[in-house]
Each structure stands twice: as structure tokens, then as C-alpha cells.
Amino acid sequence: MDFICLNFSFMLRFSQFNWTEFEGEFWYCQVVFDAETSEEAGLVPPADDSNPSTGGCGPFSWSKLIPLSPD
């Protein structure tokens, strides 16, 4: 699953985030952070999500989402 959105850290730039589920866990990777247009951000190939626990997010690692349990 991919999302293209405005990046508020880099004003008027666009980002691409990839999300995946792997072995019951959810992960995300920010593939693009400074594209000038949403079209440019969308042209970048998605990250390798075959095993996000070992890499595949370009030079960075995937980030694992950890659910919070209610107190």
C-alpha cells in the first residue's frame, strides 16, 4: 500500500510512504521525502517489502509499528 502526501517538514514537497504487513506485524518506509510534485513522488519504485525486518527501505530500515495497549 502506497501513500503520496505533502511533507510538512520540507514545505511544499511531497513524500511517498509504503506500508506492509509481514508475519502479523505492520511496517512503513518513507521512500521519497522531497519530491517537487506528487507525480514525481509516485514515479519512484516502492521499497522491497519481502522481509522488512531485515531491510529493503533503500539505505534505511523499515519502521515497525507497535500497537499501544490501553491502560
N, C-alpha and C. Protein backbone atom coordinates (compact mmCIF):
# COMPACT_ATOMS: atom_id res chain seq x y z
N MET A 1 0.84 -1.15 0.00
CA MET A 1 0.00 0.00 0.00
C MET A 1 0.90 1.23 0.00
N ASP A 2 0.64 2.16 -0.89
CA ASP A 2 1.45 3.37 -1.00
C ASP A 2 0.60 4.61 -0.78
N PHE A 3 1.19 5.65 -0.19
CA PHE A 3 0.53 6.93 0.01
C PHE A 3 1.46 8.04 -0.46
N ILE A 4 0.90 8.99 -1.21
CA ILE A 4 1.63 10.19 -1.62
C ILE A 4 1.00 11.35 -0.86
N CYS A 5 1.82 12.17 -0.19
CA CYS A 5 1.26 13.26 0.61
C CYS A 5 2.23 14.44 0.66
N LEU A 6 1.68 15.60 1.03
CA LEU A 6 2.53 16.76 1.26
C LEU A 6 3.41 16.50 2.47
N ASN A 7 4.62 16.99 2.41
CA ASN A 7 5.58 16.81 3.50
C ASN A 7 5.72 18.14 4.22
N PHE A 8 5.27 18.21 5.47
CA PHE A 8 5.32 19.48 6.20
C PHE A 8 6.70 19.78 6.77
N SER A 9 7.59 18.80 6.80
CA SER A 9 8.96 19.06 7.22
C SER A 9 9.75 19.73 6.11
N PHE A 10 9.45 19.39 4.86
CA PHE A 10 10.04 20.02 3.69
C PHE A 10 8.90 20.71 2.96
N MET A 11 8.64 21.95 3.31
CA MET A 11 7.45 22.65 2.85
C MET A 11 7.30 22.60 1.33
N LEU A 12 6.08 22.36 0.92
CA LEU A 12 5.69 22.28 -0.48
C LEU A 12 6.42 21.18 -1.24
N ARG A 13 6.83 20.13 -0.55
CA ARG A 13 7.43 18.94 -1.16
C ARG A 13 6.51 17.76 -0.88
N PHE A 14 6.70 16.70 -1.62
CA PHE A 14 5.84 15.52 -1.50
C PHE A 14 6.64 14.31 -1.06
N SER A 15 5.96 13.41 -0.35
CA SER A 15 6.56 12.18 0.15
C SER A 15 5.81 10.98 -0.41
N GLN A 16 6.48 9.84 -0.38
CA GLN A 16 5.84 8.57 -0.66
C GLN A 16 6.14 7.64 0.50
N PHE A 17 5.08 7.10 1.10
CA PHE A 17 5.21 6.12 2.17
C PHE A 17 4.70 4.79 1.68
N ASN A 18 5.42 3.72 1.98
CA ASN A 18 4.98 2.36 1.69
C ASN A 18 4.66 1.69 3.02
N TRP A 19 3.55 0.96 3.04
CA TRP A 19 3.11 0.23 4.23
C TRP A 19 3.00 -1.23 3.86
N THR A 20 3.31 -2.12 4.80
CA THR A 20 3.18 -3.54 4.53
C THR A 20 2.90 -4.30 5.83
N GLU A 21 2.33 -5.47 5.68
CA GLU A 21 2.17 -6.40 6.80
C GLU A 21 3.08 -7.58 6.52
N PHE A 22 3.86 -7.97 7.51
CA PHE A 22 4.78 -9.09 7.37
C PHE A 22 4.74 -9.89 8.65
N GLU A 23 4.37 -11.16 8.53
CA GLU A 23 4.30 -12.07 9.67
C GLU A 23 3.51 -11.48 10.83
N GLY A 24 2.36 -10.86 10.51
CA GLY A 24 1.46 -10.32 11.52
C GLY A 24 1.87 -8.98 12.11
N GLU A 25 2.94 -8.37 11.60
CA GLU A 25 3.38 -7.07 12.08
C GLU A 25 3.27 -6.05 10.95
N PHE A 26 3.05 -4.79 11.32
CA PHE A 26 2.91 -3.72 10.33
C PHE A 26 4.17 -2.86 10.31
N TRP A 27 4.58 -2.49 9.09
CA TRP A 27 5.81 -1.74 8.86
C TRP A 27 5.55 -0.60 7.87
N TYR A 28 6.35 0.48 7.95
CA TYR A 28 6.29 1.53 6.93
C TYR A 28 7.69 1.98 6.55
N CYS A 29 7.78 2.52 5.34
CA CYS A 29 9.04 3.01 4.79
C CYS A 29 8.75 4.32 4.05
N GLN A 30 9.49 5.37 4.36
CA GLN A 30 9.36 6.62 3.62
C GLN A 30 10.35 6.56 2.46
N VAL A 31 9.82 6.30 1.27
CA VAL A 31 10.65 6.11 0.08
C VAL A 31 11.11 7.44 -0.49
N VAL A 32 10.23 8.44 -0.47
CA VAL A 32 10.53 9.77 -1.01
C VAL A 32 10.16 10.79 0.06
N PHE A 33 10.98 11.84 0.21
CA PHE A 33 10.63 12.87 1.19
C PHE A 33 10.69 14.28 0.62
N ASP A 34 11.22 14.45 -0.60
CA ASP A 34 11.43 15.82 -1.09
C ASP A 34 11.10 16.00 -2.57
N ALA A 35 10.10 15.27 -3.07
CA ALA A 35 9.74 15.42 -4.48
C ALA A 35 9.03 16.76 -4.71
N GLU A 36 9.24 17.34 -5.87
CA GLU A 36 8.63 18.64 -6.17
C GLU A 36 7.15 18.52 -6.52
N THR A 37 6.72 17.36 -7.03
CA THR A 37 5.32 17.15 -7.38
C THR A 37 4.86 15.78 -6.88
N SER A 38 3.55 15.62 -6.75
CA SER A 38 3.03 14.31 -6.35
C SER A 38 3.31 13.27 -7.43
N GLU A 39 3.31 13.70 -8.69
CA GLU A 39 3.61 12.79 -9.79
C GLU A 39 5.04 12.27 -9.69
N GLU A 40 5.98 13.17 -9.37
CA GLU A 40 7.38 12.77 -9.21
C GLU A 40 7.54 11.77 -8.06
N ALA A 41 6.86 12.03 -6.95
CA ALA A 41 6.92 11.11 -5.81
C ALA A 41 6.35 9.75 -6.18
N GLY A 42 5.31 9.74 -7.00
CA GLY A 42 4.68 8.50 -7.40
C GLY A 42 5.47 7.68 -8.40
N LEU A 43 6.45 8.29 -9.06
CA LEU A 43 7.25 7.57 -10.05
C LEU A 43 8.35 6.71 -9.43
N VAL A 44 8.67 6.96 -8.17
CA VAL A 44 9.73 6.20 -7.51
C VAL A 44 9.21 4.80 -7.21
N PRO A 45 9.97 3.76 -7.55
CA PRO A 45 9.51 2.39 -7.27
C PRO A 45 9.33 2.17 -5.77
N PRO A 46 8.39 1.31 -5.40
CA PRO A 46 8.18 1.04 -3.98
C PRO A 46 9.37 0.29 -3.37
N ALA A 47 9.45 0.36 -2.05
CA ALA A 47 10.51 -0.34 -1.32
C ALA A 47 10.29 -1.85 -1.41
N ASP A 48 11.36 -2.59 -1.18
CA ASP A 48 11.30 -4.06 -1.16
C ASP A 48 10.68 -4.50 0.17
N ASP A 49 9.45 -5.02 0.11
CA ASP A 49 8.77 -5.42 1.34
C ASP A 49 8.79 -6.93 1.57
N SER A 50 9.73 -7.63 0.92
CA SER A 50 9.78 -9.08 1.06
C SER A 50 10.14 -9.53 2.47
N ASN A 51 10.92 -8.72 3.21
CA ASN A 51 11.25 -9.01 4.60
C ASN A 51 11.68 -7.71 5.27
N PRO A 52 10.73 -6.88 5.68
CA PRO A 52 11.08 -5.56 6.23
C PRO A 52 11.88 -5.63 7.52
N SER A 53 11.89 -6.76 8.19
CA SER A 53 12.68 -6.86 9.43
C SER A 53 14.18 -6.91 9.16
N THR A 54 14.57 -7.15 7.89
CA THR A 54 16.00 -7.23 7.56
C THR A 54 16.46 -6.13 6.61
N GLY A 55 15.58 -5.23 6.19
CA GLY A 55 15.96 -4.14 5.30
C GLY A 55 15.03 -4.03 4.11
N GLY A 56 15.47 -3.28 3.10
CA GLY A 56 14.69 -3.12 1.89
C GLY A 56 14.11 -1.74 1.69
N CYS A 57 14.39 -0.83 2.62
CA CYS A 57 13.88 0.55 2.52
C CYS A 57 15.02 1.46 2.06
N GLY A 58 15.56 1.15 0.89
CA GLY A 58 16.71 1.91 0.40
C GLY A 58 17.87 1.77 1.38
N PRO A 59 18.55 2.89 1.71
CA PRO A 59 19.67 2.81 2.64
C PRO A 59 19.22 2.77 4.10
N PHE A 60 17.91 2.81 4.34
CA PHE A 60 17.38 2.84 5.70
C PHE A 60 16.62 1.55 6.00
N SER A 61 16.27 1.38 7.25
CA SER A 61 15.47 0.22 7.63
C SER A 61 13.99 0.60 7.62
N TRP A 62 13.15 -0.42 7.51
CA TRP A 62 11.72 -0.21 7.67
C TRP A 62 11.45 0.12 9.15
N SER A 63 10.38 0.85 9.41
CA SER A 63 9.99 1.16 10.78
C SER A 63 8.80 0.28 11.16
N LYS A 64 8.91 -0.42 12.28
CA LYS A 64 7.83 -1.30 12.73
C LYS A 64 6.87 -0.50 13.59
N LEU A 65 5.58 -0.67 13.33
CA LEU A 65 4.55 -0.05 14.14
C LEU A 65 4.21 -0.98 15.29
N ILE A 66 4.19 -0.45 16.48
CA ILE A 66 3.93 -1.24 17.67
C ILE A 66 2.62 -0.74 18.28
N PRO A 67 1.63 -1.64 18.41
CA PRO A 67 0.35 -1.20 18.98
C PRO A 67 0.49 -0.86 20.46
N LEU A 68 -0.21 0.16 20.88
CA LEU A 68 -0.24 0.51 22.30
C LEU A 68 -1.44 -0.17 22.93
N SER A 69 -1.23 -0.76 24.07
CA SER A 69 -2.35 -1.38 24.77
C SER A 69 -2.97 -0.33 25.69
N PRO A 70 -4.29 -0.37 25.81
CA PRO A 70 -4.93 0.63 26.70
C PRO A 70 -4.55 0.37 28.15
N ASP A 71 -4.39 1.43 28.89
CA ASP A 71 -4.03 1.31 30.32
C ASP A 71 -5.26 1.12 31.17
